[in-house]
């Protein structure tokens, strides 16, 4: 009887951990989405300070990381979260470069490196799906 109770307790603990992880995923992804859309407003609510200049693109890249973290914490392969972050960050950094906004000497090499990483991650996600199906 004690062994069965322990097994039930362990199952309950696992369910509680899964629920907590799903809640964290929703909160992180939601915060990231809000900061991606209205970074200055969310920054003001959290830190009580104005967000200006180069802080806006930095906050948006951080927001993309939060979205990726939320996806990685959701049930399923964490690799998809990293792929999501990489794709969002690459597209945004390329947009910043093409729009003539902020850019330094390493912007385009970083974009190229992210494109390579995305290709590798996408290949791995595709392989995982093929193995499952």
N, C-alpha and C. Protein backbone atom coordinates (compact mmCIF):
# COMPACT_ATOMS: atom_id res chain seq x y z
N UNK A 1 0.82 -1.20 0.00
CA UNK A 1 0.00 0.00 0.00
C UNK A 1 0.86 1.26 0.00
N UNK A 2 1.92 1.24 0.81
CA UNK A 2 2.80 2.41 0.87
C UNK A 2 3.49 2.65 -0.46
N UNK A 3 3.86 1.56 -1.15
CA UNK A 3 4.52 1.71 -2.45
C UNK A 3 3.55 2.33 -3.46
N UNK A 4 2.28 1.92 -3.43
CA UNK A 4 1.29 2.48 -4.34
C UNK A 4 1.07 3.97 -4.05
N UNK A 5 1.02 4.32 -2.79
CA UNK A 5 0.84 5.72 -2.40
C UNK A 5 2.02 6.55 -2.91
N UNK A 6 3.21 6.01 -2.79
CA UNK A 6 4.40 6.71 -3.26
C UNK A 6 4.34 6.88 -4.77
N UNK A 7 3.88 5.87 -5.48
CA UNK A 7 3.76 5.94 -6.93
C UNK A 7 2.73 7.01 -7.32
N UNK A 8 1.61 7.05 -6.60
CA UNK A 8 0.59 8.07 -6.88
C UNK A 8 1.13 9.46 -6.56
N UNK A 9 1.86 9.58 -5.47
CA UNK A 9 2.45 10.87 -5.10
C UNK A 9 3.43 11.33 -6.17
N UNK A 10 4.23 10.40 -6.67
CA UNK A 10 5.20 10.75 -7.71
C UNK A 10 4.50 11.19 -8.99
N UNK A 11 3.42 10.50 -9.35
CA UNK A 11 2.66 10.90 -10.53
C UNK A 11 2.08 12.30 -10.35
N UNK A 12 1.58 12.56 -9.15
CA UNK A 12 1.04 13.90 -8.86
C UNK A 12 2.11 14.96 -8.92
N UNK A 13 3.30 14.64 -8.42
CA UNK A 13 4.41 15.60 -8.49
C UNK A 13 4.80 15.89 -9.93
N UNK A 14 4.82 14.86 -10.76
CA UNK A 14 5.15 15.04 -12.18
C UNK A 14 4.11 15.91 -12.85
N UNK A 15 2.84 15.68 -12.57
CA UNK A 15 1.77 16.50 -13.15
C UNK A 15 1.88 17.95 -12.68
N UNK A 16 2.20 18.15 -11.41
CA UNK A 16 2.36 19.51 -10.89
C UNK A 16 3.53 20.21 -11.60
N UNK A 17 4.63 19.49 -11.82
CA UNK A 17 5.78 20.08 -12.51
C UNK A 17 5.41 20.43 -13.95
N UNK A 18 4.69 19.54 -14.62
CA UNK A 18 4.27 19.81 -16.01
C UNK A 18 3.36 21.03 -16.07
N UNK A 19 2.42 21.11 -15.13
CA UNK A 19 1.52 22.26 -15.10
C UNK A 19 2.28 23.56 -14.82
N UNK A 20 3.22 23.51 -13.89
CA UNK A 20 4.03 24.70 -13.59
C UNK A 20 4.85 25.11 -14.80
N UNK A 21 5.41 24.14 -15.51
CA UNK A 21 6.20 24.43 -16.70
C UNK A 21 5.34 25.03 -17.80
N UNK A 22 4.13 24.51 -17.97
CA UNK A 22 3.22 25.07 -18.97
C UNK A 22 2.81 26.50 -18.61
N UNK A 23 2.56 26.75 -17.32
CA UNK A 23 2.23 28.10 -16.88
C UNK A 23 3.40 29.05 -17.13
N UNK A 24 4.61 28.60 -16.80
CA UNK A 24 5.79 29.42 -17.05
C UNK A 24 5.95 29.70 -18.54
N UNK A 25 5.69 28.70 -19.37
CA UNK A 25 5.79 28.87 -20.82
C UNK A 25 4.82 29.94 -21.30
N UNK A 26 3.60 29.90 -20.81
CA UNK A 26 2.59 30.87 -21.22
C UNK A 26 2.98 32.28 -20.77
N UNK A 27 3.42 32.41 -19.52
CA UNK A 27 3.79 33.72 -18.99
C UNK A 27 4.99 34.30 -19.75
N UNK A 28 6.02 33.48 -19.96
CA UNK A 28 7.22 33.97 -20.65
C UNK A 28 6.92 34.35 -22.09
N UNK A 29 6.20 33.48 -22.80
CA UNK A 29 5.87 33.78 -24.20
C UNK A 29 4.95 34.99 -24.29
N UNK A 30 4.00 35.10 -23.38
CA UNK A 30 3.10 36.26 -23.38
C UNK A 30 3.83 37.56 -23.11
N UNK A 31 4.74 37.53 -22.14
CA UNK A 31 5.55 38.72 -21.84
C UNK A 31 6.40 39.08 -23.05
N UNK A 32 7.00 38.06 -23.66
CA UNK A 32 7.83 38.30 -24.83
C UNK A 32 7.03 38.90 -25.98
N UNK A 33 5.84 38.36 -26.21
CA UNK A 33 4.99 38.89 -27.29
C UNK A 33 4.61 40.34 -27.02
N UNK A 34 4.24 40.64 -25.78
CA UNK A 34 3.89 42.02 -25.44
C UNK A 34 5.09 42.95 -25.62
N UNK A 35 6.28 42.50 -25.18
CA UNK A 35 7.46 43.34 -25.31
C UNK A 35 7.89 43.49 -26.76
N UNK A 36 7.61 42.49 -27.58
CA UNK A 36 7.93 42.58 -29.00
C UNK A 36 7.06 43.62 -29.68
N UNK A 37 5.79 43.67 -29.30
CA UNK A 37 4.83 44.58 -29.94
C UNK A 37 4.95 46.01 -29.41
N UNK A 38 5.02 46.16 -28.10
CA UNK A 38 5.08 47.50 -27.49
C UNK A 38 6.20 47.53 -26.44
N UNK A 39 7.46 47.49 -26.88
CA UNK A 39 8.56 47.35 -25.93
C UNK A 39 8.66 48.49 -24.92
N UNK A 40 8.46 49.72 -25.36
CA UNK A 40 8.60 50.85 -24.44
C UNK A 40 7.54 50.81 -23.34
N UNK A 41 6.32 50.43 -23.70
CA UNK A 41 5.23 50.36 -22.73
C UNK A 41 5.49 49.27 -21.68
N UNK A 42 5.86 48.08 -22.14
CA UNK A 42 6.12 46.97 -21.22
C UNK A 42 7.31 47.31 -20.33
N UNK A 43 8.35 47.90 -20.92
CA UNK A 43 9.55 48.29 -20.15
C UNK A 43 9.16 49.27 -19.05
N UNK A 44 8.32 50.24 -19.40
CA UNK A 44 7.87 51.23 -18.41
C UNK A 44 7.10 50.55 -17.29
N UNK A 45 6.23 49.60 -17.62
CA UNK A 45 5.47 48.90 -16.59
C UNK A 45 6.36 48.07 -15.66
N UNK A 46 7.38 47.43 -16.23
CA UNK A 46 8.24 46.56 -15.43
C UNK A 46 9.28 47.35 -14.65
N UNK A 47 9.98 48.26 -15.34
CA UNK A 47 11.12 48.94 -14.72
C UNK A 47 10.84 50.38 -14.29
N UNK A 48 9.72 50.93 -14.72
CA UNK A 48 9.39 52.29 -14.33
C UNK A 48 10.28 53.34 -14.98
N UNK A 49 10.94 53.00 -16.07
CA UNK A 49 11.84 53.91 -16.78
C UNK A 49 11.49 53.93 -18.26
N UNK A 50 11.89 55.00 -18.92
CA UNK A 50 11.68 55.11 -20.36
C UNK A 50 12.66 54.22 -21.12
N UNK A 51 12.21 53.66 -22.20
CA UNK A 51 13.06 52.86 -23.08
C UNK A 51 13.19 53.63 -24.39
N UNK A 52 14.41 54.01 -24.73
CA UNK A 52 14.63 54.81 -25.93
C UNK A 52 15.86 54.31 -26.67
N UNK A 53 16.04 54.84 -27.87
CA UNK A 53 17.25 54.59 -28.65
C UNK A 53 17.50 53.12 -28.90
N UNK A 54 18.74 52.73 -28.74
CA UNK A 54 19.16 51.36 -29.02
C UNK A 54 18.53 50.36 -28.06
N UNK A 55 17.98 50.84 -26.96
CA UNK A 55 17.31 49.95 -26.01
C UNK A 55 16.11 49.25 -26.61
N UNK A 56 15.44 49.88 -27.57
CA UNK A 56 14.24 49.28 -28.18
C UNK A 56 14.60 48.02 -28.97
N UNK A 57 15.58 48.06 -29.89
CA UNK A 57 15.91 46.80 -30.57
C UNK A 57 16.48 45.74 -29.62
N UNK A 58 17.22 46.16 -28.62
CA UNK A 58 17.75 45.20 -27.64
C UNK A 58 16.59 44.54 -26.89
N UNK A 59 15.61 45.33 -26.49
CA UNK A 59 14.44 44.79 -25.79
C UNK A 59 13.67 43.83 -26.69
N UNK A 60 13.59 44.14 -27.96
CA UNK A 60 12.86 43.26 -28.89
C UNK A 60 13.59 41.92 -29.07
N UNK A 61 14.91 41.95 -29.16
CA UNK A 61 15.65 40.69 -29.26
C UNK A 61 15.46 39.89 -27.96
N UNK A 62 15.47 40.57 -26.82
CA UNK A 62 15.19 39.89 -25.55
C UNK A 62 13.78 39.31 -25.53
N UNK A 63 12.83 40.03 -26.12
CA UNK A 63 11.46 39.55 -26.20
C UNK A 63 11.39 38.27 -27.04
N UNK A 64 12.16 38.24 -28.11
CA UNK A 64 12.19 37.04 -28.96
C UNK A 64 12.76 35.86 -28.18
N UNK A 65 13.74 36.13 -27.34
CA UNK A 65 14.31 35.07 -26.49
C UNK A 65 13.26 34.55 -25.51
N UNK A 66 12.44 35.44 -24.96
CA UNK A 66 11.37 35.00 -24.06
C UNK A 66 10.34 34.14 -24.79
N UNK A 67 10.02 34.51 -26.01
CA UNK A 67 9.08 33.71 -26.81
C UNK A 67 9.69 32.32 -27.07
N UNK A 68 10.96 32.30 -27.45
CA UNK A 68 11.64 31.03 -27.67
C UNK A 68 11.69 30.18 -26.41
N UNK A 69 11.94 30.83 -25.27
CA UNK A 69 11.96 30.12 -23.99
C UNK A 69 10.58 29.53 -23.69
N UNK A 70 9.55 30.31 -23.93
CA UNK A 70 8.19 29.82 -23.71
C UNK A 70 7.89 28.60 -24.57
N UNK A 71 8.30 28.64 -25.82
CA UNK A 71 8.07 27.50 -26.71
C UNK A 71 8.91 26.30 -26.27
N UNK A 72 10.14 26.56 -25.84
CA UNK A 72 11.02 25.47 -25.39
C UNK A 72 10.46 24.80 -24.13
N UNK A 73 9.76 25.55 -23.29
CA UNK A 73 9.20 24.99 -22.06
C UNK A 73 7.87 24.28 -22.30
N UNK A 74 7.26 24.52 -23.43
CA UNK A 74 5.99 23.88 -23.75
C UNK A 74 6.26 22.41 -24.03
N UNK A 75 5.30 21.53 -23.73
CA UNK A 75 5.52 20.11 -24.03
C UNK A 75 5.87 19.91 -25.51
N UNK A 76 6.90 19.17 -25.74
CA UNK A 76 7.41 18.95 -27.09
C UNK A 76 8.90 19.18 -27.10
N UNK A 77 9.50 19.09 -28.26
CA UNK A 77 10.96 19.22 -28.31
C UNK A 77 11.42 20.66 -28.07
N UNK A 78 12.34 20.86 -27.12
CA UNK A 78 12.87 22.21 -26.85
C UNK A 78 13.58 22.81 -28.06
N UNK A 79 14.01 21.96 -28.97
CA UNK A 79 14.70 22.41 -30.18
C UNK A 79 13.85 23.39 -30.96
N UNK A 80 12.54 23.21 -30.94
CA UNK A 80 11.63 24.10 -31.66
C UNK A 80 11.68 25.51 -31.08
N UNK A 81 11.85 25.62 -29.76
CA UNK A 81 11.99 26.93 -29.13
C UNK A 81 13.23 27.65 -29.59
N UNK A 82 14.32 26.93 -29.69
CA UNK A 82 15.57 27.54 -30.15
C UNK A 82 15.46 27.94 -31.62
N UNK A 83 14.81 27.10 -32.41
CA UNK A 83 14.59 27.42 -33.82
C UNK A 83 13.72 28.68 -33.96
N UNK A 84 12.69 28.77 -33.14
CA UNK A 84 11.81 29.95 -33.17
C UNK A 84 12.59 31.21 -32.83
N UNK A 85 13.37 31.16 -31.74
CA UNK A 85 14.17 32.33 -31.36
C UNK A 85 15.13 32.69 -32.48
N UNK A 86 15.85 31.71 -33.01
CA UNK A 86 16.83 31.98 -34.05
C UNK A 86 16.21 32.62 -35.28
N UNK A 87 15.05 32.10 -35.69
CA UNK A 87 14.38 32.65 -36.86
C UNK A 87 13.89 34.07 -36.62
N UNK A 88 13.26 34.30 -35.46
CA UNK A 88 12.77 35.66 -35.15
C UNK A 88 13.93 36.66 -35.05
N UNK A 89 14.99 36.27 -34.34
CA UNK A 89 16.14 37.17 -34.17
C UNK A 89 16.80 37.47 -35.51
N UNK A 90 16.93 36.46 -36.36
CA UNK A 90 17.56 36.66 -37.67
C UNK A 90 16.74 37.62 -38.52
N UNK A 91 15.45 37.37 -38.58
CA UNK A 91 14.58 38.26 -39.38
C UNK A 91 14.62 39.70 -38.85
N UNK A 92 14.57 39.84 -37.53
CA UNK A 92 14.56 41.19 -36.97
C UNK A 92 15.90 41.89 -37.18
N UNK A 93 16.99 41.19 -36.96
CA UNK A 93 18.30 41.81 -37.16
C UNK A 93 18.51 42.19 -38.62
N UNK A 94 18.06 41.35 -39.55
CA UNK A 94 18.14 41.69 -40.97
C UNK A 94 17.28 42.91 -41.28
N UNK A 95 16.09 42.96 -40.69
CA UNK A 95 15.21 44.12 -40.87
C UNK A 95 15.90 45.40 -40.37
N UNK A 96 16.52 45.32 -39.19
CA UNK A 96 17.22 46.49 -38.64
C UNK A 96 18.33 46.92 -39.59
N UNK A 97 19.07 45.96 -40.13
CA UNK A 97 20.15 46.28 -41.06
C UNK A 97 19.65 46.90 -42.35
N UNK A 98 18.60 46.33 -42.93
CA UNK A 98 18.07 46.84 -44.19
C UNK A 98 17.36 48.18 -44.03
N UNK A 99 16.79 48.42 -42.86
CA UNK A 99 16.04 49.66 -42.67
C UNK A 99 16.94 50.86 -42.41
N UNK A 100 18.23 50.60 -42.26
CA UNK A 100 19.16 51.70 -42.04
C UNK A 100 19.18 52.16 -40.60
N UNK A 101 18.61 51.37 -39.71
CA UNK A 101 18.62 51.72 -38.30
C UNK A 101 19.98 51.46 -37.69
N UNK A 102 19.99 50.99 -36.49
CA UNK A 102 21.23 50.70 -35.79
C UNK A 102 21.95 49.53 -36.45
N UNK A 103 23.24 49.70 -36.69
CA UNK A 103 24.02 48.55 -37.14
C UNK A 103 25.50 48.84 -36.94
N UNK A 104 26.18 47.79 -36.54
CA UNK A 104 27.62 47.88 -36.33
C UNK A 104 28.32 46.92 -37.27
N UNK A 105 29.60 46.82 -37.10
CA UNK A 105 30.41 46.00 -37.99
C UNK A 105 30.05 44.52 -37.94
N UNK A 106 29.50 44.05 -36.81
CA UNK A 106 29.19 42.63 -36.66
C UNK A 106 27.74 42.28 -36.97
N UNK A 107 26.91 43.26 -37.35
CA UNK A 107 25.50 42.95 -37.59
C UNK A 107 25.33 41.88 -38.66
N UNK A 108 25.90 42.08 -39.84
CA UNK A 108 25.69 41.13 -40.93
C UNK A 108 26.36 39.78 -40.68
N UNK A 109 27.56 39.74 -40.10
CA UNK A 109 28.10 38.41 -39.75
C UNK A 109 27.20 37.67 -38.75
N UNK A 110 26.60 38.38 -37.80
CA UNK A 110 25.69 37.75 -36.85
C UNK A 110 24.45 37.21 -37.57
N UNK A 111 23.94 37.97 -38.54
CA UNK A 111 22.78 37.51 -39.31
C UNK A 111 23.15 36.23 -40.07
N UNK A 112 24.31 36.22 -40.71
CA UNK A 112 24.75 35.04 -41.47
C UNK A 112 24.92 33.83 -40.55
N UNK A 113 25.53 34.03 -39.39
CA UNK A 113 25.71 32.93 -38.44
C UNK A 113 24.35 32.39 -38.00
N UNK A 114 23.40 33.29 -37.75
CA UNK A 114 22.06 32.84 -37.35
C UNK A 114 21.37 32.07 -38.48
N UNK A 115 21.57 32.49 -39.72
CA UNK A 115 20.97 31.77 -40.85
C UNK A 115 21.51 30.34 -40.89
N UNK A 116 22.82 30.19 -40.68
CA UNK A 116 23.43 28.86 -40.66
C UNK A 116 22.87 28.03 -39.51
N UNK A 117 22.77 28.64 -38.32
CA UNK A 117 22.22 27.92 -37.16
C UNK A 117 20.77 27.51 -37.40
N UNK A 118 19.99 28.38 -38.01
CA UNK A 118 18.59 28.06 -38.31
C UNK A 118 18.51 26.87 -39.26
N UNK A 119 19.37 26.87 -40.27
CA UNK A 119 19.37 25.76 -41.22
C UNK A 119 19.69 24.44 -40.50
N UNK A 120 20.67 24.47 -39.61
CA UNK A 120 21.03 23.26 -38.87
C UNK A 120 19.90 22.81 -37.94
N UNK A 121 19.30 23.77 -37.25
CA UNK A 121 18.19 23.43 -36.35
C UNK A 121 16.97 22.92 -37.12
N UNK A 122 16.67 23.56 -38.25
CA UNK A 122 15.53 23.13 -39.07
C UNK A 122 15.76 21.71 -39.59
N UNK A 123 17.00 21.41 -39.96
CA UNK A 123 17.33 20.05 -40.40
C UNK A 123 17.07 19.05 -39.28
N UNK A 124 17.49 19.41 -38.07
CA UNK A 124 17.30 18.51 -36.93
C UNK A 124 15.82 18.33 -36.58
N UNK A 125 15.04 19.40 -36.64
CA UNK A 125 13.60 19.30 -36.37
C UNK A 125 12.95 18.40 -37.42
N UNK A 126 13.34 18.56 -38.67
CA UNK A 126 12.80 17.72 -39.74
C UNK A 126 13.15 16.26 -39.51
N UNK A 127 14.38 15.99 -39.13
CA UNK A 127 14.79 14.60 -38.83
C UNK A 127 14.00 14.02 -37.68
N UNK A 128 13.77 14.83 -36.64
CA UNK A 128 12.99 14.34 -35.48
C UNK A 128 11.58 13.97 -35.92
N UNK A 129 10.98 14.80 -36.74
CA UNK A 129 9.61 14.52 -37.20
C UNK A 129 9.55 13.28 -38.08
N UNK A 130 10.58 13.10 -38.91
CA UNK A 130 10.62 11.90 -39.75
C UNK A 130 10.75 10.64 -38.91
N UNK A 131 11.55 10.71 -37.84
CA UNK A 131 11.72 9.56 -36.98
C UNK A 131 10.43 9.21 -36.24
N UNK A 132 9.66 10.22 -35.88
CA UNK A 132 8.38 9.99 -35.19
C UNK A 132 7.31 9.44 -36.11
N UNK A 133 7.31 9.95 -37.33
CA UNK A 133 6.21 9.62 -38.24
C UNK A 133 6.55 8.57 -39.17
